[in-house]
């Protein structure tokens, strides 16, 4: 009996903590949807030492990795939470930008805005399950998702901070 009481008192705080974190996530999503798009997200990024996407791409092709700041334009944003975005590369491919430790998101309506991102870019191979997850997040149809059957070599950027500029 004594063990059951201890177990109950040990579990109750976790139940409230989980319930509280669900409420916080809901509040964050509501704020996100109504916030202005231009602004700084994640770590503060200074607008000095910024390279173009083409310059970053050349460095990636040479060494397979790039660390620094890049200016470009947001092509697509995760339609569920803003937990990733894509940018066009000079090769005609797109680069997926994720946010370090999912510590921040960008507004769902930020597609087409100019952006400066800071972090690390790499050439990577993305597995089928992850590619399908990204397609689902992007709102692709079930048929389009099922067409993904092979891993894909692509460029990935893990950003620590993002500045979304005024749309020109």
Protein backbone atom coordinates (compact mmCIF):
# COMPACT_ATOMS: atom_id res chain seq x y z
CA UNK A 1 0.00 0.00 0.00
CA UNK A 2 2.80 2.37 0.93
CA UNK A 3 4.50 1.71 -2.46
CA UNK A 4 1.28 2.53 -4.33
CA UNK A 5 0.99 5.89 -2.54
CA UNK A 6 4.60 6.72 -3.36
CA UNK A 7 4.05 5.75 -6.98
CA UNK A 8 0.90 7.88 -7.23
CA UNK A 9 2.62 10.92 -5.74
CA UNK A 10 5.58 10.42 -8.05
CA UNK A 11 3.41 10.20 -11.19
CA UNK A 12 1.01 13.11 -10.51
CA UNK A 13 3.59 15.90 -11.10
CA UNK A 14 4.51 14.35 -14.47
CA UNK A 15 0.86 14.30 -15.51
CA UNK A 16 0.54 18.02 -14.79
CA UNK A 17 3.85 18.75 -16.50
CA UNK A 18 2.74 16.95 -19.68
CA UNK A 19 -0.63 18.71 -19.63
CA UNK A 20 1.08 22.07 -19.12
CA UNK A 21 3.53 21.53 -22.00
CA UNK A 22 0.62 20.71 -24.33
CA UNK A 23 -0.97 24.04 -23.43
CA UNK A 24 2.29 25.86 -24.02
CA UNK A 25 2.70 24.28 -27.48
CA UNK A 26 -0.82 25.34 -28.43
CA UNK A 27 -0.13 28.90 -27.31
CA UNK A 28 3.14 28.98 -29.27
CA UNK A 29 1.41 27.81 -32.44
CA UNK A 30 -1.33 30.45 -32.09
CA UNK A 31 1.23 33.21 -31.58
CA UNK A 32 3.22 31.91 -34.53
CA UNK A 33 0.26 32.00 -36.90
CA UNK A 34 -0.65 35.58 -36.03
CA UNK A 35 2.88 37.02 -35.83
CA UNK A 36 4.46 39.30 -38.40
CA UNK A 37 6.70 37.45 -40.85
CA UNK A 38 9.77 39.75 -40.99
CA UNK A 39 12.00 39.34 -37.94
CA UNK A 40 14.72 37.32 -36.24
CA UNK A 41 14.00 33.69 -35.34
CA UNK A 42 16.28 31.55 -33.19
CA UNK A 43 19.71 32.93 -32.32
CA UNK A 44 20.32 36.55 -33.24
CA UNK A 45 22.03 36.78 -36.62
CA UNK A 46 24.23 39.74 -37.60
CA UNK A 47 24.08 40.84 -41.22
CA UNK A 48 27.85 40.83 -41.78
CA UNK A 49 29.95 38.20 -43.55
CA UNK A 50 26.95 36.92 -45.50
CA UNK A 51 27.54 34.85 -48.66
CA UNK A 52 25.21 34.25 -51.58
CA UNK A 53 23.63 30.83 -52.09
CA UNK A 54 25.93 30.37 -55.11
CA UNK A 55 29.06 31.02 -53.01
CA UNK A 56 27.86 28.58 -50.34
CA UNK A 57 27.07 25.99 -53.03
CA UNK A 58 30.60 26.27 -54.47
CA UNK A 59 32.11 25.72 -51.01
CA UNK A 60 29.81 22.73 -50.42
CA UNK A 61 30.82 21.17 -53.72
CA UNK A 62 34.49 21.60 -52.79
CA UNK A 63 34.55 20.38 -49.21
CA UNK A 64 31.13 18.81 -48.56
CA UNK A 65 30.44 21.19 -45.67
CA UNK A 66 29.89 24.91 -45.13
CA UNK A 67 29.58 26.91 -41.92
CA UNK A 68 28.45 30.52 -42.03
CA UNK A 69 25.69 32.87 -43.19
CA UNK A 70 23.79 32.74 -46.45
CA UNK A 71 21.29 35.08 -48.10
CA UNK A 72 18.53 33.73 -50.30
CA UNK A 73 14.78 33.41 -50.62
CA UNK A 74 12.35 31.03 -48.90
CA UNK A 75 10.82 28.75 -51.51
CA UNK A 76 8.60 26.51 -49.35
CA UNK A 77 7.71 26.22 -45.64
CA UNK A 78 6.46 23.23 -43.65
CA UNK A 79 2.68 23.66 -43.74
CA UNK A 80 2.13 22.14 -40.30
CA UNK A 81 4.37 24.15 -37.95
CA UNK A 82 7.00 26.01 -39.97
CA UNK A 83 9.58 23.49 -38.71
CA UNK A 84 11.57 23.54 -41.98
CA UNK A 85 11.87 25.58 -45.17
CA UNK A 86 13.54 25.17 -48.54
CA UNK A 87 15.71 27.44 -50.67
CA UNK A 88 16.67 27.14 -54.34
CA UNK A 89 20.26 26.28 -55.25
CA UNK A 90 22.08 27.35 -58.46
CA UNK A 91 22.01 23.72 -59.65
CA UNK A 92 18.20 23.79 -59.87
CA UNK A 93 17.88 21.65 -56.73
CA UNK A 94 16.48 22.80 -53.43
CA UNK A 95 18.14 22.81 -50.03
CA UNK A 96 16.13 21.91 -46.94
CA UNK A 97 16.73 24.19 -43.96
CA UNK A 98 15.92 22.79 -40.52
CA UNK A 99 16.27 24.53 -37.19
CA UNK A 100 18.76 23.38 -34.56
CA UNK A 101 17.12 21.10 -32.01
CA UNK A 102 13.69 22.27 -33.29
CA UNK A 103 14.36 25.24 -31.02
CA UNK A 104 12.35 27.64 -33.19
CA UNK A 105 10.09 27.72 -36.24
CA UNK A 106 9.37 30.24 -38.97
CA UNK A 107 5.88 31.60 -39.74
CA UNK A 108 3.81 29.41 -42.05
CA UNK A 109 3.27 32.42 -44.33
CA UNK A 110 6.97 33.22 -44.92
CA UNK A 111 7.20 31.61 -48.37
CA UNK A 112 8.75 34.00 -50.91
CA UNK A 113 10.45 36.25 -48.34
CA UNK A 114 14.16 37.10 -48.54
CA UNK A 115 16.11 35.44 -45.75
CA UNK A 116 19.53 35.29 -44.09
CA UNK A 117 20.34 32.01 -42.38
CA UNK A 118 23.27 31.11 -40.14
CA UNK A 119 24.44 27.58 -39.45
CA UNK A 120 25.97 24.53 -41.11
CA UNK A 121 25.25 23.11 -44.57
CA UNK A 122 26.17 19.58 -45.64
CA UNK A 123 25.69 17.17 -48.50
CA UNK A 124 23.68 14.29 -47.09
CA UNK A 125 21.63 11.25 -48.06
CA UNK A 126 18.03 11.39 -46.82
CA UNK A 127 16.25 8.07 -46.26
CA UNK A 128 12.84 7.20 -47.73
CA UNK A 129 10.95 7.50 -44.42
CA UNK A 130 12.25 11.03 -43.84
CA UNK A 131 11.53 12.06 -47.44
CA UNK A 132 7.96 10.80 -47.06
CA UNK A 133 7.62 12.68 -43.76
CA UNK A 134 8.76 15.90 -45.44
CA UNK A 135 6.32 15.32 -48.32
CA UNK A 136 3.48 14.84 -45.82
CA UNK A 137 4.49 18.05 -43.99
CA UNK A 138 4.44 19.86 -47.34
CA UNK A 139 0.83 18.76 -47.92
CA UNK A 140 1.59 16.34 -50.78
CA UNK A 141 -1.08 13.80 -51.78
CA UNK A 142 -0.95 10.19 -50.61
CA UNK A 143 -0.11 9.11 -54.19
CA UNK A 144 2.83 11.57 -54.36
CA UNK A 145 4.12 10.33 -51.01
CA UNK A 146 3.92 6.69 -52.09
CA UNK A 147 5.98 7.49 -55.23
CA UNK A 148 8.98 8.16 -52.97
CA UNK A 149 10.81 4.82 -53.03
CA UNK A 150 14.53 5.61 -52.94
CA UNK A 151 16.88 7.65 -50.72
CA UNK A 152 18.01 10.96 -52.15
CA UNK A 153 21.33 12.79 -52.01
CA UNK A 154 20.57 16.38 -51.15
CA UNK A 155 21.81 19.49 -49.46
CA UNK A 156 20.76 20.22 -45.90
CA UNK A 157 21.26 23.31 -43.77
CA UNK A 158 20.84 23.29 -39.99
CA UNK A 159 20.21 26.90 -38.96
CA UNK A 160 20.86 28.32 -35.52
CA UNK A 161 19.22 31.61 -36.49
CA UNK A 162 17.19 33.15 -39.28
CA UNK A 163 16.43 36.72 -40.30
CA UNK A 164 13.37 37.08 -42.52
CA UNK A 165 13.54 40.41 -44.34
CA UNK A 166 10.72 42.59 -45.64
CA UNK A 167 9.33 41.19 -48.86
CA UNK A 168 10.68 43.31 -51.70
